[in-house]
Amino acid sequence: MFEVYLNDRRDLLVIAKGSPLPLFAATGKWRKRKKKVARVSDEIGFAVRTQGYYVRKLSKHKNHGTVRSGLPHSFRHVQSLQHHH
Protein backbone atom coordinates (compact mmCIF):
# COMPACT_ATOMS: atom_id res chain seq x y z
CA MET A 1 0.00 0.00 0.00
CA PHE A 2 1.04 3.57 -0.62
CA GLU A 3 0.13 6.96 0.80
CA VAL A 4 -0.33 9.93 -1.53
CA TYR A 5 0.20 13.55 -0.49
CA LEU A 6 -0.41 16.81 -2.36
CA ASN A 7 0.76 20.33 -1.50
CA ASP A 8 -0.38 23.81 -2.45
CA ARG A 9 2.25 24.02 -5.23
CA ARG A 10 0.63 21.03 -6.97
CA ASP A 11 3.43 18.64 -6.08
CA LEU A 12 2.70 14.93 -5.70
CA LEU A 13 4.46 12.82 -3.06
CA VAL A 14 4.08 9.04 -2.79
CA ILE A 15 5.53 7.01 0.09
CA ALA A 16 5.06 3.48 1.37
CA LYS A 17 2.23 3.16 3.90
CA GLY A 18 3.49 3.89 7.41
CA SER A 19 6.74 5.50 6.27
CA PRO A 20 7.67 8.93 7.63
CA LEU A 21 7.64 11.92 5.31
CA PRO A 22 11.05 12.60 3.73
CA LEU A 23 13.01 15.43 5.37
CA PHE A 24 12.38 17.85 2.49
CA ALA A 25 8.62 17.33 2.91
CA ALA A 26 8.58 17.78 6.67
CA THR A 27 8.71 21.57 6.33
CA GLY A 28 5.98 21.89 3.69
CA LYS A 29 2.22 21.74 3.96
CA TRP A 30 1.28 18.36 2.54
CA ARG A 31 -2.31 17.08 2.52
CA LYS A 32 -2.77 13.34 2.66
CA ARG A 33 -5.34 11.87 0.29
CA LYS A 34 -7.99 9.96 2.18
CA LYS A 35 -8.09 6.99 -0.18
CA LYS A 36 -5.52 4.25 0.19
CA VAL A 37 -3.58 3.33 -2.95
CA ALA A 38 -2.87 -0.36 -3.44
CA ARG A 39 -0.90 -0.21 -6.70
CA VAL A 40 1.07 2.41 -8.57
CA SER A 41 2.95 2.47 -11.87
CA ASP A 42 6.26 0.64 -12.18
CA GLU A 43 8.10 3.99 -12.27
CA ILE A 44 6.56 5.17 -8.99
CA GLY A 45 6.94 1.78 -7.28
CA PHE A 46 10.62 1.58 -8.25
CA ALA A 47 11.30 5.08 -6.91
CA VAL A 48 9.54 4.33 -3.60
CA ARG A 49 11.50 1.09 -3.19
CA THR A 50 14.89 2.60 -4.03
CA GLN A 51 14.75 6.09 -2.50
CA GLY A 52 11.78 5.80 -0.13
CA TYR A 53 9.54 8.27 -1.97
CA TYR A 54 8.40 9.55 -5.36
CA VAL A 55 7.79 13.24 -5.98
CA ARG A 56 6.91 15.36 -8.99
CA LYS A 57 4.92 18.40 -10.04
CA LEU A 58 1.38 17.69 -11.17
CA SER A 59 1.15 20.88 -13.20
CA LYS A 60 3.52 19.60 -15.90
CA HIS A 61 1.02 16.82 -16.55
CA LYS A 62 -1.94 19.19 -16.53
CA ASN A 63 -2.86 18.68 -20.17
CA HIS A 64 -0.99 15.45 -20.78
CA GLY A 65 -2.93 12.49 -19.47
CA THR A 66 -4.40 13.84 -16.27
CA VAL A 67 -7.44 11.86 -15.28
CA ARG A 68 -10.63 13.34 -13.85
CA SER A 69 -9.55 12.93 -10.22
CA GLY A 70 -6.64 15.30 -10.79
CA LEU A 71 -4.04 12.56 -10.54
CA PRO A 72 -1.44 12.15 -13.28
CA HIS A 73 -1.58 9.60 -16.08
CA SER A 74 0.63 7.14 -14.19
CA PHE A 75 -2.21 6.67 -11.68
CA ARG A 76 -4.70 5.67 -14.37
CA HIS A 77 -4.43 2.00 -13.37
CA VAL A 78 -4.27 2.55 -9.61
CA GLN A 79 -6.65 0.59 -7.45
CA SER A 80 -7.91 2.76 -4.61
CA LEU A 81 -9.33 1.26 -1.47
CA GLN A 82 -11.67 3.41 0.57
CA HIS A 83 -11.75 3.37 4.36
CA HIS A 84 -14.65 1.37 5.65
CA HIS A 85 -15.46 2.49 9.19
PDB file of N, CA and C in Angstrom:
ATOM      1  N   MET A   1       0.835  -1.182   0.000  1.00  0.00           N
ATOM      2  CA  MET A   1       0.000   0.000   0.000  1.00  0.00           C
ATOM      3  C   MET A   1       0.884   1.252   0.000  1.00  0.00           C
ATOM      4  N   PHE A   2       0.327   2.307  -0.513  1.00  0.00           N
ATOM      5  CA  PHE A   2       1.039   3.573  -0.625  1.00  0.00           C
ATOM      6  C   PHE A   2       0.172   4.692  -0.068  1.00  0.00           C
ATOM      7  N   GLU A   3       0.818   5.753   0.363  1.00  0.00           N
ATOM      8  CA  GLU A   3       0.128   6.960   0.803  1.00  0.00           C
ATOM      9  C   GLU A   3       0.484   8.070  -0.167  1.00  0.00           C
ATOM     10  N   VAL A   4      -0.505   8.862  -0.547  1.00  0.00           N
ATOM     11  CA  VAL A   4      -0.326   9.928  -1.526  1.00  0.00           C
ATOM     12  C   VAL A   4      -0.597  11.270  -0.842  1.00  0.00           C
ATOM     13  N   TYR A   5       0.320  12.211  -1.051  1.00  0.00           N
ATOM     14  CA  TYR A   5       0.198  13.552  -0.487  1.00  0.00           C
ATOM     15  C   TYR A   5       0.262  14.574  -1.619  1.00  0.00           C
ATOM     16  N   LEU A   6      -0.449  15.689  -1.439  1.00  0.00           N
ATOM     17  CA  LEU A   6      -0.407  16.815  -2.362  1.00  0.00           C
ATOM     18  C   LEU A   6      -0.116  18.069  -1.553  1.00  0.00           C
ATOM     19  N   ASN A   7       0.547  19.054  -2.180  1.00  0.00           N
ATOM     20  CA  ASN A   7       0.758  20.326  -1.497  1.00  0.00           C
ATOM     21  C   ASN A   7       0.159  21.457  -2.316  1.00  0.00           C
ATOM     22  N   ASP A   8       0.246  22.668  -1.787  1.00  0.00           N
ATOM     23  CA  ASP A   8      -0.380  23.813  -2.452  1.00  0.00           C
ATOM     24  C   ASP A   8       0.337  24.227  -3.731  1.00  0.00           C
ATOM     25  N   ARG A   9       1.526  23.719  -3.983  1.00  0.00           N
ATOM     26  CA  ARG A   9       2.247  24.017  -5.233  1.00  0.00           C
ATOM     27  C   ARG A   9       1.999  22.950  -6.289  1.00  0.00           C
ATOM     28  N   ARG A  10       0.995  22.108  -6.053  1.00  0.00           N
ATOM     29  CA  ARG A  10       0.628  21.025  -6.968  1.00  0.00           C
ATOM     30  C   ARG A  10       1.747  20.005  -7.159  1.00  0.00           C
ATOM     31  N   ASP A  11       2.433  19.701  -6.071  1.00  0.00           N
ATOM     32  CA  ASP A  11       3.432  18.641  -6.075  1.00  0.00           C
ATOM     33  C   ASP A  11       2.770  17.366  -5.557  1.00  0.00           C
ATOM     34  N   LEU A  12       3.192  16.246  -6.083  1.00  0.00           N
ATOM     35  CA  LEU A  12       2.700  14.934  -5.701  1.00  0.00           C
ATOM     36  C   LEU A  12       3.817  14.209  -4.972  1.00  0.00           C
ATOM     37  N   LEU A  13       3.504  13.601  -3.839  1.00  0.00           N
ATOM     38  CA  LEU A  13       4.464  12.821  -3.063  1.00  0.00           C
ATOM     39  C   LEU A  13       3.831  11.476  -2.764  1.00  0.00           C
ATOM     40  N   VAL A  14       4.552  10.392  -3.068  1.00  0.00           N
ATOM     41  CA  VAL A  14       4.081   9.036  -2.791  1.00  0.00           C
ATOM     42  C   VAL A  14       5.118   8.362  -1.908  1.00  0.00           C
ATOM     43  N   ILE A  15       4.649   7.768  -0.800  1.00  0.00           N
ATOM     44  CA  ILE A  15       5.530   7.012   0.090  1.00  0.00           C
ATOM     45  C   ILE A  15       4.854   5.686   0.421  1.00  0.00           C
ATOM     46  N   ALA A  16       5.630   4.744   0.929  1.00  0.00           N
ATOM     47  CA  ALA A  16       5.057   3.477   1.368  1.00  0.00           C
ATOM     48  C   ALA A  16       4.216   3.724   2.615  1.00  0.00           C
ATOM     49  N   LYS A  17       3.129   2.996   2.759  1.00  0.00           N
ATOM     50  CA  LYS A  17       2.233   3.162   3.898  1.00  0.00           C
ATOM     51  C   LYS A  17       3.013   2.993   5.200  1.00  0.00           C
ATOM     52  N   GLY A  18       2.833   3.936   6.107  1.00  0.00           N
ATOM     53  CA  GLY A  18       3.489   3.885   7.406  1.00  0.00           C
ATOM     54  C   GLY A  18       4.873   4.496   7.450  1.00  0.00           C
ATOM     55  N   SER A  19       5.411   4.883   6.302  1.00  0.00           N
ATOM     56  CA  SER A  19       6.737   5.504   6.266  1.00  0.00           C
ATOM     57  C   SER A  19       6.635   6.970   6.675  1.00  0.00           C
ATOM     58  N   PRO A  20       7.687   7.495   7.298  1.00  0.00           N
ATOM     59  CA  PRO A  20       7.665   8.928   7.631  1.00  0.00           C
ATOM     60  C   PRO A  20       7.853   9.770   6.372  1.00  0.00           C
ATOM     61  N   LEU A  21       7.408  11.017   6.425  1.00  0.00           N
ATOM     62  CA  LEU A  21       7.640  11.924   5.309  1.00  0.00           C
ATOM     63  C   LEU A  21       9.137  12.155   5.160  1.00  0.00           C
ATOM     64  N   PRO A  22       9.632  12.274   3.937  1.00  0.00           N
ATOM     65  CA  PRO A  22      11.050  12.600   3.734  1.00  0.00           C
ATOM     66  C   PRO A  22      11.363  13.960   4.371  1.00  0.00           C
ATOM     67  N   LEU A  23      12.613  14.192   4.696  1.00  0.00           N
ATOM     68  CA  LEU A  23      13.006  15.430   5.371  1.00  0.00           C
ATOM     69  C   LEU A  23      12.592  16.676   4.604  1.00  0.00           C
ATOM     70  N   PHE A  24      12.737  16.662   3.261  1.00  0.00           N
ATOM     71  CA  PHE A  24      12.381  17.849   2.492  1.00  0.00           C
ATOM     72  C   PHE A  24      10.884  18.149   2.601  1.00  0.00           C
ATOM     73  N   ALA A  25      10.069  17.148   2.838  1.00  0.00           N
ATOM     74  CA  ALA A  25       8.620  17.329   2.905  1.00  0.00           C
ATOM     75  C   ALA A  25       8.137  17.705   4.305  1.00  0.00           C
ATOM     76  N   ALA A  26       8.980  17.511   5.294  1.00  0.00           N
ATOM     77  CA  ALA A  26       8.578  17.779   6.672  1.00  0.00           C
ATOM     78  C   ALA A  26       8.294  19.258   6.908  1.00  0.00           C
ATOM     79  N   THR A  27       8.903  20.135   6.121  1.00  0.00           N
ATOM     80  CA  THR A  27       8.713  21.569   6.332  1.00  0.00           C
ATOM     81  C   THR A  27       7.548  22.131   5.526  1.00  0.00           C
ATOM     82  N   GLY A  28       7.069  21.406   4.538  1.00  0.00           N
ATOM     83  CA  GLY A  28       5.979  21.895   3.691  1.00  0.00           C
ATOM     84  C   GLY A  28       4.615  21.541   4.248  1.00  0.00           C
ATOM     85  N   LYS A  29       3.593  22.039   3.581  1.00  0.00           N
ATOM     86  CA  LYS A  29       2.217  21.742   3.964  1.00  0.00           C
ATOM     87  C   LYS A  29       1.660  20.707   2.995  1.00  0.00           C
ATOM     88  N   TRP A  30       1.750  19.460   3.374  1.00  0.00           N
ATOM     89  CA  TRP A  30       1.284  18.356   2.544  1.00  0.00           C
ATOM     90  C   TRP A  30      -0.053  17.865   3.071  1.00  0.00           C
ATOM     91  N   ARG A  31      -1.000  17.610   2.163  1.00  0.00           N
ATOM     92  CA  ARG A  31      -2.308  17.075   2.519  1.00  0.00           C
ATOM     93  C   ARG A  31      -2.367  15.621   2.061  1.00  0.00           C
ATOM     94  N   LYS A  32      -2.693  14.758   2.984  1.00  0.00           N
ATOM     95  CA  LYS A  32      -2.769  13.337   2.660  1.00  0.00           C
ATOM     96  C   LYS A  32      -4.120  13.036   2.023  1.00  0.00           C
ATOM     97  N   ARG A  33      -4.092  12.322   0.913  1.00  0.00           N
ATOM     98  CA  ARG A  33      -5.343  11.869   0.287  1.00  0.00           C
ATOM     99  C   ARG A  33      -5.982  10.833   1.191  1.00  0.00           C
ATOM    100  N   LYS A  34      -7.284  10.858   1.269  1.00  0.00           N
ATOM    101  CA  LYS A  34      -7.985   9.957   2.180  1.00  0.00           C
ATOM    102  C   LYS A  34      -8.054   8.522   1.679  1.00  0.00           C
ATOM    103  N   LYS A  35      -8.023   8.341   0.375  1.00  0.00           N
ATOM    104  CA  LYS A  35      -8.095   6.993  -0.181  1.00  0.00           C
ATOM    105  C   LYS A  35      -6.731   6.322  -0.118  1.00  0.00           C
ATOM    106  N   LYS A  36      -6.744   5.043   0.204  1.00  0.00           N
ATOM    107  CA  LYS A  36      -5.519   4.253   0.187  1.00  0.00           C
ATOM    108  C   LYS A  36      -5.240   3.813  -1.245  1.00  0.00           C
ATOM    109  N   VAL A  37      -3.983   3.732  -1.601  1.00  0.00           N
ATOM    110  CA  VAL A  37      -3.585   3.332  -2.947  1.00  0.00           C
ATOM    111  C   VAL A  37      -2.876   1.990  -2.842  1.00  0.00           C
ATOM    112  N   ALA A  38      -3.424   0.983  -3.518  1.00  0.00           N
ATOM    113  CA  ALA A  38      -2.873  -0.359  -3.442  1.00  0.00           C
ATOM    114  C   ALA A  38      -1.755  -0.583  -4.448  1.00  0.00           C
ATOM    115  N   ARG A  39      -1.909  -0.006  -5.660  1.00  0.00           N
ATOM    116  CA  ARG A  39      -0.902  -0.213  -6.699  1.00  0.00           C
ATOM    117  C   ARG A  39      -0.603   1.111  -7.382  1.00  0.00           C
ATOM    118  N   VAL A  40       0.638   1.238  -7.818  1.00  0.00           N
ATOM    119  CA  VAL A  40       1.073   2.411  -8.572  1.00  0.00           C
ATOM    120  C   VAL A  40       1.823   1.927  -9.799  1.00  0.00           C
ATOM    121  N   SER A  41       2.200   2.845 -10.665  1.00  0.00           N
ATOM    122  CA  SER A  41       2.946   2.469 -11.869  1.00  0.00           C
ATOM    123  C   SER A  41       4.307   1.894 -11.479  1.00  0.00           C
ATOM    124  N   ASP A  42       4.934   1.205 -12.421  1.00  0.00           N
ATOM    125  CA  ASP A  42       6.263   0.642 -12.179  1.00  0.00           C
ATOM    126  C   ASP A  42       7.268   1.736 -11.830  1.00  0.00           C
ATOM    127  N   GLU A  43       7.181   2.868 -12.521  1.00  0.00           N
ATOM    128  CA  GLU A  43       8.095   3.993 -12.271  1.00  0.00           C
ATOM    129  C   GLU A  43       7.983   4.490 -10.832  1.00  0.00           C
ATOM    130  N   ILE A  44       6.769   4.666 -10.352  1.00  0.00           N
ATOM    131  CA  ILE A  44       6.562   5.166  -8.991  1.00  0.00           C
ATOM    132  C   ILE A  44       6.969   4.113  -7.973  1.00  0.00           C
ATOM    133  N   GLY A  45       6.576   2.862  -8.195  1.00  0.00           N
ATOM    134  CA  GLY A  45       6.940   1.782  -7.280  1.00  0.00           C
ATOM    135  C   GLY A  45       8.444   1.606  -7.152  1.00  0.00           C
ATOM    136  N   PHE A  46       9.155   1.697  -8.269  1.00  0.00           N
ATOM    137  CA  PHE A  46      10.616   1.577  -8.247  1.00  0.00           C
ATOM    138  C   PHE A  46      11.240   2.710  -7.435  1.00  0.00           C
ATOM    139  N   ALA A  47      10.761   3.940  -7.640  1.00  0.00           N
ATOM    140  CA  ALA A  47      11.298   5.084  -6.905  1.00  0.00           C
ATOM    141  C   ALA A  47      11.045   4.951  -5.406  1.00  0.00           C
ATOM    142  N   VAL A  48       9.860   4.502  -5.022  1.00  0.00           N
ATOM    143  CA  VAL A  48       9.541   4.328  -3.601  1.00  0.00           C
ATOM    144  C   VAL A  48      10.429   3.249  -2.985  1.00  0.00           C
ATOM    145  N   ARG A  49      10.643   2.164  -3.716  1.00  0.00           N
ATOM    146  CA  ARG A  49      11.502   1.089  -3.189  1.00  0.00           C
ATOM    147  C   ARG A  49      12.954   1.512  -3.064  1.00  0.00           C
ATOM    148  N   THR A  50      13.462   2.270  -4.027  1.00  0.00           N
ATOM    149  CA  THR A  50      14.889   2.597  -4.031  1.00  0.00           C
ATOM    150  C   THR A  50      15.246   3.827  -3.211  1.00  0.00           C
ATOM    151  N   GLN A  51      14.401   4.872  -3.241  1.00  0.00           N
ATOM    152  CA  GLN A  51      14.752   6.085  -2.495  1.00  0.00           C
ATOM    153  C   GLN A  51      13.785   6.406  -1.373  1.00  0.00           C
ATOM    154  N   GLY A  52      12.717   5.606  -1.234  1.00  0.00           N
ATOM    155  CA  GLY A  52      11.784   5.799  -0.127  1.00  0.00           C
ATOM    156  C   GLY A  52      10.614   6.719  -0.442  1.00  0.00           C
ATOM    157  N   TYR A  53      10.627   7.368  -1.596  1.00  0.00           N
ATOM    158  CA  TYR A  53       9.544   8.270  -1.973  1.00  0.00           C
ATOM    159  C   TYR A  53       9.589   8.524  -3.472  1.00  0.00           C
ATOM    160  N   TYR A  54       8.494   9.091  -3.979  1.00  0.00           N
ATOM    161  CA  TYR A  54       8.403   9.549  -5.363  1.00  0.00           C
ATOM    162  C   TYR A  54       7.761  10.927  -5.304  1.00  0.00           C
ATOM    163  N   VAL A  55       8.351  11.891  -5.992  1.00  0.00           N
ATOM    164  CA  VAL A  55       7.792  13.241  -5.980  1.00  0.00           C
ATOM    165  C   VAL A  55       7.891  13.845  -7.370  1.00  0.00           C
ATOM    166  N   ARG A  56       6.878  14.609  -7.736  1.00  0.00           N
ATOM    167  CA  ARG A  56       6.913  15.361  -8.993  1.00  0.00           C
ATOM    168  C   ARG A  56       5.809  16.407  -8.976  1.00  0.00           C
ATOM    169  N   LYS A  57       5.934  17.362  -9.876  1.00  0.00           N
ATOM    170  CA  LYS A  57       4.924  18.396 -10.042  1.00  0.00           C
ATOM    171  C   LYS A  57       3.763  17.829 -10.840  1.00  0.00           C
ATOM    172  N   LEU A  58       2.549  18.097 -10.402  1.00  0.00           N
ATOM    173  CA  LEU A  58       1.382  17.687 -11.167  1.00  0.00           C
ATOM    174  C   LEU A  58       1.128  18.623 -12.325  1.00  0.00           C
ATOM    175  N   SER A  59       1.484  19.883 -12.178  1.00  0.00           N
ATOM    176  CA  SER A  59       1.151  20.876 -13.196  1.00  0.00           C
ATOM    177  C   SER A  59       1.772  20.561 -14.550  1.00  0.00           C
ATOM    178  N   LYS A  60       2.927  19.909 -14.607  1.00  0.00           N
ATOM    179  CA  LYS A  60       3.525  19.598 -15.902  1.00  0.00           C
ATOM    180  C   LYS A  60       2.729  18.539 -16.644  1.00  0.00           C
ATOM    181  N   HIS A  61       1.874  17.823 -15.934  1.00  0.00           N
ATOM    182  CA  HIS A  61       1.022  16.817 -16.549  1.00  0.00           C
ATOM    183  C   HIS A  61      -0.402  17.321 -16.711  1.00  0.00           C
ATOM    184  N   LYS A  62      -0.608  18.602 -16.519  1.00  0.00           N
ATOM    185  CA  LYS A  62      -1.938  19.188 -16.525  1.00  0.00           C
ATOM    186  C   LYS A  62      -2.733  18.837 -17.773  1.00  0.00           C
ATOM    187  N   ASN A  63      -2.145  18.957 -18.929  1.00  0.00           N
ATOM    188  CA  ASN A  63      -2.855  18.680 -20.170  1.00  0.00           C
ATOM    189  C   ASN A  63      -2.362  17.418 -20.855  1.00  0.00           C
ATOM    190  N   HIS A  64      -1.580  16.628 -20.154  1.00  0.00           N
ATOM    191  CA  HIS A  64      -0.987  15.449 -20.783  1.00  0.00           C
ATOM    192  C   HIS A  64      -1.330  14.206 -19.987  1.00  0.00           C
ATOM    193  N   GLY A  65      -2.566  13.764 -20.081  1.00  0.00           N
ATOM    194  CA  GLY A  65      -2.933  12.489 -19.472  1.00  0.00           C
ATOM    195  C   GLY A  65      -3.487  12.588 -18.077  1.00  0.00           C
ATOM    196  N   THR A  66      -3.822  13.746 -17.594  1.00  0.00           N
ATOM    197  CA  THR A  66      -4.398  13.840 -16.266  1.00  0.00           C
ATOM    198  C   THR A  66      -5.813  13.271 -16.305  1.00  0.00           C
ATOM    199  N   VAL A  67      -6.113  12.440 -15.342  1.00  0.00           N
ATOM    200  CA  VAL A  67      -7.444  11.857 -15.281  1.00  0.00           C
ATOM    201  C   VAL A  67      -8.357  12.762 -14.466  1.00  0.00           C
ATOM    202  N   ARG A  68      -9.636  12.476 -14.477  1.00  0.00           N
ATOM    203  CA  ARG A  68     -10.625  13.340 -13.853  1.00  0.00           C
ATOM    204  C   ARG A  68     -10.359  13.645 -12.389  1.00  0.00           C
ATOM    205  N   SER A  69      -9.787  12.737 -11.647  1.00  0.00           N
ATOM    206  CA  SER A  69      -9.553  12.930 -10.221  1.00  0.00           C
ATOM    207  C   SER A  69      -8.441  13.930  -9.951  1.00  0.00           C
ATOM    208  N   GLY A  70      -7.734  14.370 -10.990  1.00  0.00           N
ATOM    209  CA  GLY A  70      -6.637  15.304 -10.789  1.00  0.00           C
ATOM    210  C   GLY A  70      -5.300  14.614 -10.620  1.00  0.00           C
ATOM    211  N   LEU A  71      -5.288  13.286 -10.659  1.00  0.00           N
ATOM    212  CA  LEU A  71      -4.036  12.562 -10.535  1.00  0.00           C
ATOM    213  C   LEU A  71      -3.424  12.379 -11.913  1.00  0.00           C
ATOM    214  N   PRO A  72      -2.110  12.274 -11.987  1.00  0.00           N
ATOM    215  CA  PRO A  72      -1.439  12.147 -13.277  1.00  0.00           C
ATOM    216  C   PRO A  72      -1.729  10.815 -13.959  1.00  0.00           C
ATOM    217  N   HIS A  73      -1.364  10.752 -15.229  1.00  0.00           N
ATOM    218  CA  HIS A  73      -1.579   9.595 -16.084  1.00  0.00           C
ATOM    219  C   HIS A  73      -1.070   8.300 -15.456  1.00  0.00           C
ATOM    220  N   SER A  74       0.043   8.346 -14.745  1.00  0.00           N
ATOM    221  CA  SER A  74       0.629   7.135 -14.187  1.00  0.00           C
ATOM    222  C   SER A  74      -0.259   6.504 -13.133  1.00  0.00           C
ATOM    223  N   PHE A  75      -1.277   7.234 -12.650  1.00  0.00           N
ATOM    224  CA  PHE A  75      -2.208   6.671 -11.679  1.00  0.00           C
ATOM    225  C   PHE A  75      -3.472   6.132 -12.346  1.00  0.00           C
ATOM    226  N   ARG A  76      -3.503   6.114 -13.659  1.00  0.00           N
ATOM    227  CA  ARG A  76      -4.702   5.669 -14.365  1.00  0.00           C
ATOM    228  C   ARG A  76      -5.106   4.260 -13.949  1.00  0.00           C
ATOM    229  N   HIS A  77      -4.140   3.388 -13.686  1.00  0.00           N
ATOM    230  CA  HIS A  77      -4.434   1.999 -13.365  1.00  0.00           C
ATOM    231  C   HIS A  77      -4.301   1.707 -11.875  1.00  0.00           C
ATOM    232  N   VAL A  78      -4.389   2.729 -11.058  1.00  0.00           N
ATOM    233  CA  VAL A  78      -4.272   2.554  -9.610  1.00  0.00           C
ATOM    234  C   VAL A  78      -5.582   2.008  -9.055  1.00  0.00           C
ATOM    235  N   GLN A  79      -5.479   1.075  -8.159  1.00  0.00           N
ATOM    236  CA  GLN A  79      -6.653   0.593  -7.450  1.00  0.00           C
ATOM    237  C   GLN A  79      -6.694   1.327  -6.123  1.00  0.00           C
ATOM    238  N   SER A  80      -7.758   2.051  -5.870  1.00  0.00           N
ATOM    239  CA  SER A  80      -7.909   2.760  -4.608  1.00  0.00           C
ATOM    240  C   SER A  80      -8.853   1.981  -3.718  1.00  0.00           C
ATOM    241  N   LEU A  81      -8.497   1.930  -2.460  1.00  0.00           N
ATOM    242  CA  LEU A  81      -9.327   1.260  -1.465  1.00  0.00           C
ATOM    243  C   LEU A  81      -9.833   2.315  -0.503  1.00  0.00           C
ATOM    244  N   GLN A  82     -11.120   2.415  -0.334  1.00  0.00           N
ATOM    245  CA  GLN A  82     -11.670   3.409   0.570  1.00  0.00           C
ATOM    246  C   GLN A  82     -11.686   2.858   1.979  1.00  0.00           C
ATOM    247  N   HIS A  83     -11.632   3.765   2.948  1.00  0.00           N
ATOM    248  CA  HIS A  83     -11.753   3.372   4.356  1.00  0.00           C
ATOM    249  C   HIS A  83     -13.184   2.910   4.589  1.00  0.00           C
ATOM    250  N   HIS A  84     -13.320   1.840   5.269  1.00  0.00           N
ATOM    251  CA  HIS A  84     -14.655   1.371   5.650  1.00  0.00           C
ATOM    252  C   HIS A  84     -14.704   1.366   7.163  1.00  0.00           C
ATOM    253  N   HIS A  85     -15.380   2.363   7.720  1.00  0.00           N
ATOM    254  CA  HIS A  85     -15.461   2.486   9.188  1.00  0.00           C
ATOM    255  C   HIS A  85     -16.761   1.936   9.672  1.00  0.00           C
TER     256      HIS A  85
END
